[in-house]
Amino acid sequence: MRYGLLALLITLVGGCATSKVAQEAADRCAAVGISERDPDFMSCTQAYRLQMQQGAISNAYGQAVNTPAPPRRGLAH
């Protein structure tokens, strides 16, 4: 279950939210003075994308670890 949530989150971050993540990364790079014409723009956006993915994975892992196990049901004797 824990790894399933982590895999789902990685898929969502990597697949569906790509354009949103790319736009946010471009905005962050622009905020520090790196424009699309700058030769370091691709490196900057990739660094921000990886940082966002790492944060999402860390959050998912923390939630999975802190999720209590379901109660065990004993056998009726």
PDB file of N, CA and C in Angstrom:
ATOM      1  N   MET A   1       0.828  -1.196   0.000  1.00  0.00           N
ATOM      2  CA  MET A   1       0.000   0.000   0.000  1.00  0.00           C
ATOM      3  C   MET A   1       0.868   1.253   0.000  1.00  0.00           C
ATOM      4  N   ARG A   2       1.892   1.238   0.830  1.00  0.00           N
ATOM      5  CA  ARG A   2       2.753   2.421   0.928  1.00  0.00           C
ATOM      6  C   ARG A   2       3.451   2.702  -0.392  1.00  0.00           C
ATOM      7  N   TYR A   3       3.970   1.639  -0.997  1.00  0.00           N
ATOM      8  CA  TYR A   3       4.689   1.826  -2.253  1.00  0.00           C
ATOM      9  C   TYR A   3       3.739   2.153  -3.397  1.00  0.00           C
ATOM     10  N   GLY A   4       2.507   1.701  -3.291  1.00  0.00           N
ATOM     11  CA  GLY A   4       1.512   2.033  -4.303  1.00  0.00           C
ATOM     12  C   GLY A   4       1.217   3.518  -4.327  1.00  0.00           C
ATOM     13  N   LEU A   5       1.090   4.109  -3.139  1.00  0.00           N
ATOM     14  CA  LEU A   5       0.857   5.556  -3.065  1.00  0.00           C
ATOM     15  C   LEU A   5       2.046   6.324  -3.619  1.00  0.00           C
ATOM     16  N   LEU A   6       3.234   5.855  -3.305  1.00  0.00           N
ATOM     17  CA  LEU A   6       4.438   6.510  -3.787  1.00  0.00           C
ATOM     18  C   LEU A   6       4.521   6.416  -5.309  1.00  0.00           C
ATOM     19  N   ALA A   7       4.228   5.247  -5.862  1.00  0.00           N
ATOM     20  CA  ALA A   7       4.255   5.076  -7.312  1.00  0.00           C
ATOM     21  C   ALA A   7       3.203   5.954  -7.985  1.00  0.00           C
ATOM     22  N   LEU A   8       2.032   6.045  -7.378  1.00  0.00           N
ATOM     23  CA  LEU A   8       0.974   6.891  -7.928  1.00  0.00           C
ATOM     24  C   LEU A   8       1.404   8.355  -7.942  1.00  0.00           C
ATOM     25  N   LEU A   9       1.998   8.803  -6.866  1.00  0.00           N
ATOM     26  CA  LEU A   9       2.439  10.192  -6.795  1.00  0.00           C
ATOM     27  C   LEU A   9       3.520  10.486  -7.825  1.00  0.00           C
ATOM     28  N   ILE A  10       4.451   9.571  -7.986  1.00  0.00           N
ATOM     29  CA  ILE A  10       5.507   9.770  -8.978  1.00  0.00           C
ATOM     30  C   ILE A  10       4.908   9.847 -10.374  1.00  0.00           C
ATOM     31  N   THR A  11       3.927   8.998 -10.656  1.00  0.00           N
ATOM     32  CA  THR A  11       3.268   9.026 -11.954  1.00  0.00           C
ATOM     33  C   THR A  11       2.557  10.350 -12.181  1.00  0.00           C
ATOM     34  N   LEU A  12       1.865  10.820 -11.159  1.00  0.00           N
ATOM     35  CA  LEU A  12       1.144  12.090 -11.300  1.00  0.00           C
ATOM     36  C   LEU A  12       2.104  13.248 -11.510  1.00  0.00           C
ATOM     37  N   VAL A  13       3.159  13.289 -10.730  1.00  0.00           N
ATOM     38  CA  VAL A  13       4.121  14.380 -10.863  1.00  0.00           C
ATOM     39  C   VAL A  13       4.827  14.299 -12.209  1.00  0.00           C
ATOM     40  N   GLY A  14       5.170  13.104 -12.628  1.00  0.00           N
ATOM     41  CA  GLY A  14       5.895  12.940 -13.873  1.00  0.00           C
ATOM     42  C   GLY A  14       5.035  13.040 -15.112  1.00  0.00           C
ATOM     43  N   GLY A  15       3.762  12.717 -15.019  1.00  0.00           N
ATOM     44  CA  GLY A  15       2.927  12.655 -16.208  1.00  0.00           C
ATOM     45  C   GLY A  15       1.968  13.808 -16.359  1.00  0.00           C
ATOM     46  N   CYS A  16       0.936  13.817 -15.565  1.00  0.00           N
ATOM     47  CA  CYS A  16      -0.170  14.758 -15.749  1.00  0.00           C
ATOM     48  C   CYS A  16       0.214  16.206 -15.480  1.00  0.00           C
ATOM     49  N   ALA A  17       1.034  16.431 -14.506  1.00  0.00           N
ATOM     50  CA  ALA A  17       1.325  17.795 -14.078  1.00  0.00           C
ATOM     51  C   ALA A  17       2.571  18.364 -14.739  1.00  0.00           C
ATOM     52  N   THR A  18       3.016  17.772 -15.829  1.00  0.00           N
ATOM     53  CA  THR A  18       4.263  18.192 -16.451  1.00  0.00           C
ATOM     54  C   THR A  18       4.231  19.651 -16.881  1.00  0.00           C
ATOM     55  N   SER A  19       3.181  20.090 -17.556  1.00  0.00           N
ATOM     56  CA  SER A  19       3.142  21.463 -18.041  1.00  0.00           C
ATOM     57  C   SER A  19       3.056  22.453 -16.889  1.00  0.00           C
ATOM     58  N   LYS A  20       2.310  22.111 -15.847  1.00  0.00           N
ATOM     59  CA  LYS A  20       2.208  22.988 -14.685  1.00  0.00           C
ATOM     60  C   LYS A  20       3.557  23.096 -13.977  1.00  0.00           C
ATOM     61  N   VAL A  21       4.228  21.973 -13.831  1.00  0.00           N
ATOM     62  CA  VAL A  21       5.536  21.953 -13.178  1.00  0.00           C
ATOM     63  C   VAL A  21       6.545  22.718 -14.015  1.00  0.00           C
ATOM     64  N   ALA A  22       6.516  22.524 -15.332  1.00  0.00           N
ATOM     65  CA  ALA A  22       7.443  23.220 -16.219  1.00  0.00           C
ATOM     66  C   ALA A  22       7.222  24.731 -16.153  1.00  0.00           C
ATOM     67  N   GLN A  23       5.959  25.153 -16.105  1.00  0.00           N
ATOM     68  CA  GLN A  23       5.667  26.580 -16.031  1.00  0.00           C
ATOM     69  C   GLN A  23       6.135  27.164 -14.707  1.00  0.00           C
ATOM     70  N   GLU A  24       5.891  26.436 -13.627  1.00  0.00           N
ATOM     71  CA  GLU A  24       6.340  26.917 -12.315  1.00  0.00           C
ATOM     72  C   GLU A  24       7.859  26.993 -12.257  1.00  0.00           C
ATOM     73  N   ALA A  25       8.541  26.011 -12.843  1.00  0.00           N
ATOM     74  CA  ALA A  25      10.003  26.030 -12.875  1.00  0.00           C
ATOM     75  C   ALA A  25      10.506  27.219 -13.695  1.00  0.00           C
ATOM     76  N   ALA A  26       9.872  27.481 -14.832  1.00  0.00           N
ATOM     77  CA  ALA A  26      10.265  28.624 -15.659  1.00  0.00           C
ATOM     78  C   ALA A  26      10.042  29.939 -14.905  1.00  0.00           C
ATOM     79  N   ASP A  27       8.934  30.021 -14.168  1.00  0.00           N
ATOM     80  CA  ASP A  27       8.661  31.227 -13.385  1.00  0.00           C
ATOM     81  C   ASP A  27       9.702  31.427 -12.294  1.00  0.00           C
ATOM     82  N   ARG A  28      10.102  30.339 -11.635  1.00  0.00           N
ATOM     83  CA  ARG A  28      11.126  30.445 -10.584  1.00  0.00           C
ATOM     84  C   ARG A  28      12.470  30.870 -11.165  1.00  0.00           C
ATOM     85  N   CYS A  29      12.813  30.330 -12.328  1.00  0.00           N
ATOM     86  CA  CYS A  29      14.075  30.722 -12.967  1.00  0.00           C
ATOM     87  C   CYS A  29      14.042  32.196 -13.362  1.00  0.00           C
ATOM     88  N   ALA A  30      12.907  32.633 -13.888  1.00  0.00           N
ATOM     89  CA  ALA A  30      12.770  34.040 -14.256  1.00  0.00           C
ATOM     90  C   ALA A  30      12.880  34.935 -13.028  1.00  0.00           C
ATOM     91  N   ALA A  31      12.379  34.453 -11.893  1.00  0.00           N
ATOM     92  CA  ALA A  31      12.437  35.246 -10.662  1.00  0.00           C
ATOM     93  C   ALA A  31      13.866  35.476 -10.189  1.00  0.00           C
ATOM     94  N   VAL A  32      14.777  34.563 -10.533  1.00  0.00           N
ATOM     95  CA  VAL A  32      16.177  34.747 -10.125  1.00  0.00           C
ATOM     96  C   VAL A  32      17.028  35.307 -11.255  1.00  0.00           C
ATOM     97  N   GLY A  33      16.370  35.714 -12.347  1.00  0.00           N
ATOM     98  CA  GLY A  33      17.076  36.408 -13.415  1.00  0.00           C
ATOM     99  C   GLY A  33      17.550  35.536 -14.559  1.00  0.00           C
ATOM    100  N   ILE A  34      17.054  34.332 -14.675  1.00  0.00           N
ATOM    101  CA  ILE A  34      17.448  33.455 -15.784  1.00  0.00           C
ATOM    102  C   ILE A  34      16.267  33.377 -16.748  1.00  0.00           C
ATOM    103  N   SER A  35      16.447  33.963 -17.928  1.00  0.00           N
ATOM    104  CA  SER A  35      15.369  33.996 -18.917  1.00  0.00           C
ATOM    105  C   SER A  35      15.502  32.819 -19.880  1.00  0.00           C
ATOM    106  N   GLU A  36      14.514  32.665 -20.749  1.00  0.00           N
ATOM    107  CA  GLU A  36      14.527  31.573 -21.725  1.00  0.00           C
ATOM    108  C   GLU A  36      15.673  31.699 -22.718  1.00  0.00           C
ATOM    109  N   ARG A  37      16.190  32.896 -22.898  1.00  0.00           N
ATOM    110  CA  ARG A  37      17.308  33.102 -23.819  1.00  0.00           C
ATOM    111  C   ARG A  37      18.656  32.784 -23.181  1.00  0.00           C
ATOM    112  N   ASP A  38      18.686  32.624 -21.871  1.00  0.00           N
ATOM    113  CA  ASP A  38      19.920  32.327 -21.150  1.00  0.00           C
ATOM    114  C   ASP A  38      20.350  30.880 -21.431  1.00  0.00           C
ATOM    115  N   PRO A  39      21.639  30.642 -21.654  1.00  0.00           N
ATOM    116  CA  PRO A  39      22.087  29.270 -21.927  1.00  0.00           C
ATOM    117  C   PRO A  39      21.869  28.313 -20.745  1.00  0.00           C
ATOM    118  N   ASP A  40      21.740  28.826 -19.552  1.00  0.00           N
ATOM    119  CA  ASP A  40      21.533  27.988 -18.367  1.00  0.00           C
ATOM    120  C   ASP A  40      20.065  27.763 -18.040  1.00  0.00           C
ATOM    121  N   PHE A  41      19.170  28.213 -18.903  1.00  0.00           N
ATOM    122  CA  PHE A  41      17.738  28.110 -18.619  1.00  0.00           C
ATOM    123  C   PHE A  41      17.289  26.665 -18.458  1.00  0.00           C
ATOM    124  N   MET A  42      17.688  25.778 -19.353  1.00  0.00           N
ATOM    125  CA  MET A  42      17.268  24.377 -19.274  1.00  0.00           C
ATOM    126  C   MET A  42      17.794  23.727 -17.991  1.00  0.00           C
ATOM    127  N   SER A  43      19.015  24.027 -17.614  1.00  0.00           N
ATOM    128  CA  SER A  43      19.571  23.473 -16.371  1.00  0.00           C
ATOM    129  C   SER A  43      18.802  23.991 -15.163  1.00  0.00           C
ATOM    130  N   CYS A  44      18.449  25.249 -15.189  1.00  0.00           N
ATOM    131  CA  CYS A  44      17.708  25.855 -14.087  1.00  0.00           C
ATOM    132  C   CYS A  44      16.326  25.223 -13.945  1.00  0.00           C
ATOM    133  N   THR A  45      15.613  25.104 -15.060  1.00  0.00           N
ATOM    134  CA  THR A  45      14.269  24.529 -14.976  1.00  0.00           C
ATOM    135  C   THR A  45      14.323  23.065 -14.552  1.00  0.00           C
ATOM    136  N   GLN A  46      15.309  22.321 -15.033  1.00  0.00           N
ATOM    137  CA  GLN A  46      15.440  20.917 -14.638  1.00  0.00           C
ATOM    138  C   GLN A  46      15.736  20.807 -13.146  1.00  0.00           C
ATOM    139  N   ALA A  47      16.570  21.681 -12.630  1.00  0.00           N
ATOM    140  CA  ALA A  47      16.879  21.663 -11.196  1.00  0.00           C
ATOM    141  C   ALA A  47      15.630  21.937 -10.367  1.00  0.00           C
ATOM    142  N   TYR A  48      14.828  22.890 -10.773  1.00  0.00           N
ATOM    143  CA  TYR A  48      13.590  23.187 -10.043  1.00  0.00           C
ATOM    144  C   TYR A  48      12.590  22.040 -10.154  1.00  0.00           C
ATOM    145  N   ARG A  49      12.492  21.417 -11.345  1.00  0.00           N
ATOM    146  CA  ARG A  49      11.587  20.273 -11.505  1.00  0.00           C
ATOM    147  C   ARG A  49      11.995  19.132 -10.585  1.00  0.00           C
ATOM    148  N   LEU A  50      13.278  18.846 -10.542  1.00  0.00           N
ATOM    149  CA  LEU A  50      13.758  17.767  -9.675  1.00  0.00           C
ATOM    150  C   LEU A  50      13.539  18.092  -8.203  1.00  0.00           C
ATOM    151  N   GLN A  51      13.711  19.346  -7.851  1.00  0.00           N
ATOM    152  CA  GLN A  51      13.484  19.770  -6.469  1.00  0.00           C
ATOM    153  C   GLN A  51      12.013  19.577  -6.087  1.00  0.00           C
ATOM    154  N   MET A  52      11.107  19.927  -6.982  1.00  0.00           N
ATOM    155  CA  MET A  52       9.679  19.754  -6.712  1.00  0.00           C
ATOM    156  C   MET A  52       9.320  18.267  -6.610  1.00  0.00           C
ATOM    157  N   GLN A  53       9.896  17.451  -7.485  1.00  0.00           N
ATOM    158  CA  GLN A  53       9.632  16.015  -7.435  1.00  0.00           C
ATOM    159  C   GLN A  53      10.160  15.402  -6.144  1.00  0.00           C
ATOM    160  N   GLN A  54      11.343  15.826  -5.738  1.00  0.00           N
ATOM    161  CA  GLN A  54      11.913  15.306  -4.499  1.00  0.00           C
ATOM    162  C   GLN A  54      11.038  15.674  -3.307  1.00  0.00           C
ATOM    163  N   GLY A  55      10.541  16.885  -3.289  1.00  0.00           N
ATOM    164  CA  GLY A  55       9.645  17.306  -2.217  1.00  0.00           C
ATOM    165  C   GLY A  55       8.363  16.491  -2.191  1.00  0.00           C
ATOM    166  N   ALA A  56       7.800  16.237  -3.370  1.00  0.00           N
ATOM    167  CA  ALA A  56       6.568  15.447  -3.442  1.00  0.00           C
ATOM    168  C   ALA A  56       6.810  14.006  -2.995  1.00  0.00           C
ATOM    169  N   ILE A  57       7.932  13.437  -3.395  1.00  0.00           N
ATOM    170  CA  ILE A  57       8.258  12.070  -2.989  1.00  0.00           C
ATOM    171  C   ILE A  57       8.497  12.003  -1.491  1.00  0.00           C
ATOM    172  N   SER A  58       9.196  12.976  -0.945  1.00  0.00           N
ATOM    173  CA  SER A  58       9.441  13.005   0.501  1.00  0.00           C
ATOM    174  C   SER A  58       8.139  13.118   1.289  1.00  0.00           C
ATOM    175  N   ASN A  59       7.227  13.955   0.809  1.00  0.00           N
ATOM    176  CA  ASN A  59       5.926  14.087   1.475  1.00  0.00           C
ATOM    177  C   ASN A  59       5.133  12.786   1.417  1.00  0.00           C
ATOM    178  N   ALA A  60       5.119  12.152   0.251  1.00  0.00           N
ATOM    179  CA  ALA A  60       4.387  10.891   0.098  1.00  0.00           C
ATOM    180  C   ALA A  60       4.986   9.805   0.988  1.00  0.00           C
ATOM    181  N   TYR A  61       6.296   9.748   1.050  1.00  0.00           N
ATOM    182  CA  TYR A  61       6.953   8.751   1.894  1.00  0.00           C
ATOM    183  C   TYR A  61       6.631   9.003   3.363  1.00  0.00           C
ATOM    184  N   GLY A  62       6.688  10.264   3.777  1.00  0.00           N
ATOM    185  CA  GLY A  62       6.368  10.596   5.161  1.00  0.00           C
ATOM    186  C   GLY A  62       4.940  10.236   5.522  1.00  0.00           C
ATOM    187  N   GLN A  63       4.019  10.459   4.614  1.00  0.00           N
ATOM    188  CA  GLN A  63       2.628  10.096   4.862  1.00  0.00           C
ATOM    189  C   GLN A  63       2.460   8.582   4.913  1.00  0.00           C
ATOM    190  N   ALA A  64       3.165   7.871   4.046  1.00  0.00           N
ATOM    191  CA  ALA A  64       3.053   6.417   4.024  1.00  0.00           C
ATOM    192  C   ALA A  64       3.633   5.802   5.292  1.00  0.00           C
ATOM    193  N   VAL A  65       4.731   6.346   5.774  1.00  0.00           N
ATOM    194  CA  VAL A  65       5.367   5.820   6.974  1.00  0.00           C
ATOM    195  C   VAL A  65       4.516   6.120   8.202  1.00  0.00           C
ATOM    196  N   ASN A  66       3.890   7.260   8.229  1.00  0.00           N
ATOM    197  CA  ASN A  66       3.103   7.660   9.392  1.00  0.00           C
ATOM    198  C   ASN A  66       1.666   7.137   9.380  1.00  0.00           C
ATOM    199  N   THR A  67       1.291   6.419   8.345  1.00  0.00           N
ATOM    200  CA  THR A  67      -0.047   5.854   8.269  1.00  0.00           C
ATOM    201  C   THR A  67      -0.109   4.631   9.176  1.00  0.00           C
ATOM    202  N   PRO A  68      -1.056   4.620  10.100  1.00  0.00           N
ATOM    203  CA  PRO A  68      -1.129   3.456  10.987  1.00  0.00           C
ATOM    204  C   PRO A  68      -1.570   2.208  10.227  1.00  0.00           C
ATOM    205  N   ALA A  69      -1.085   1.083  10.696  1.00  0.00           N
ATOM    206  CA  ALA A  69      -1.453  -0.188  10.078  1.00  0.00           C
ATOM    207  C   ALA A  69      -2.918  -0.494  10.412  1.00  0.00           C
ATOM    208  N   PRO A  70      -3.614  -1.164   9.510  1.00  0.00           N
ATOM    209  CA  PRO A  70      -5.007  -1.519   9.813  1.00  0.00           C
ATOM    210  C   PRO A  70      -5.044  -2.497  10.992  1.00  0.00           C
ATOM    211  N   PRO A  71      -6.109  -2.449  11.762  1.00  0.00           N
ATOM    212  CA  PRO A  71      -6.177  -3.343  12.934  1.00  0.00           C
ATOM    213  C   PRO A  71      -6.228  -4.806  12.486  1.00  0.00           C
ATOM    214  N   ARG A  72      -5.582  -5.640  13.261  1.00  0.00           N
ATOM    215  CA  ARG A  72      -5.587  -7.072  12.970  1.00  0.00           C
ATOM    216  C   ARG A  72      -6.861  -7.695  13.524  1.00  0.00           C
ATOM    217  N   ARG A  73      -7.408  -8.546  12.768  1.00  0.00           N
ATOM    218  CA  ARG A  73      -8.612  -9.245  13.222  1.00  0.00           C
ATOM    219  C   ARG A  73      -8.197 -10.642  13.649  1.00  0.00           C
ATOM    220  N   GLY A  74      -8.495 -10.938  14.880  1.00  0.00           N
ATOM    221  CA  GLY A  74      -8.149 -12.249  15.401  1.00  0.00           C
ATOM    222  C   GLY A  74      -9.146 -13.302  14.954  1.00  0.00           C
ATOM    223  N   LEU A  75      -8.722 -14.526  14.977  1.00  0.00           N
ATOM    224  CA  LEU A  75      -9.604 -15.629  14.633  1.00  0.00           C
ATOM    225  C   LEU A  75     -10.508 -15.940  15.807  1.00  0.00           C
ATOM    226  N   ALA A  76     -11.757 -16.164  15.521  1.00  0.00           N
ATOM    227  CA  ALA A  76     -12.712 -16.515  16.580  1.00  0.00           C
ATOM    228  C   ALA A  76     -12.492 -17.967  16.982  1.00  0.00           C
ATOM    229  N   HIS A  77     -12.377 -18.218  18.265  1.00  0.00           N
ATOM    230  CA  HIS A  77     -12.165 -19.587  18.751  1.00  0.00           C
ATOM    231  C   HIS A  77     -13.400 -20.130  19.328  1.00  0.00           C
TER     232      HIS A  77
END
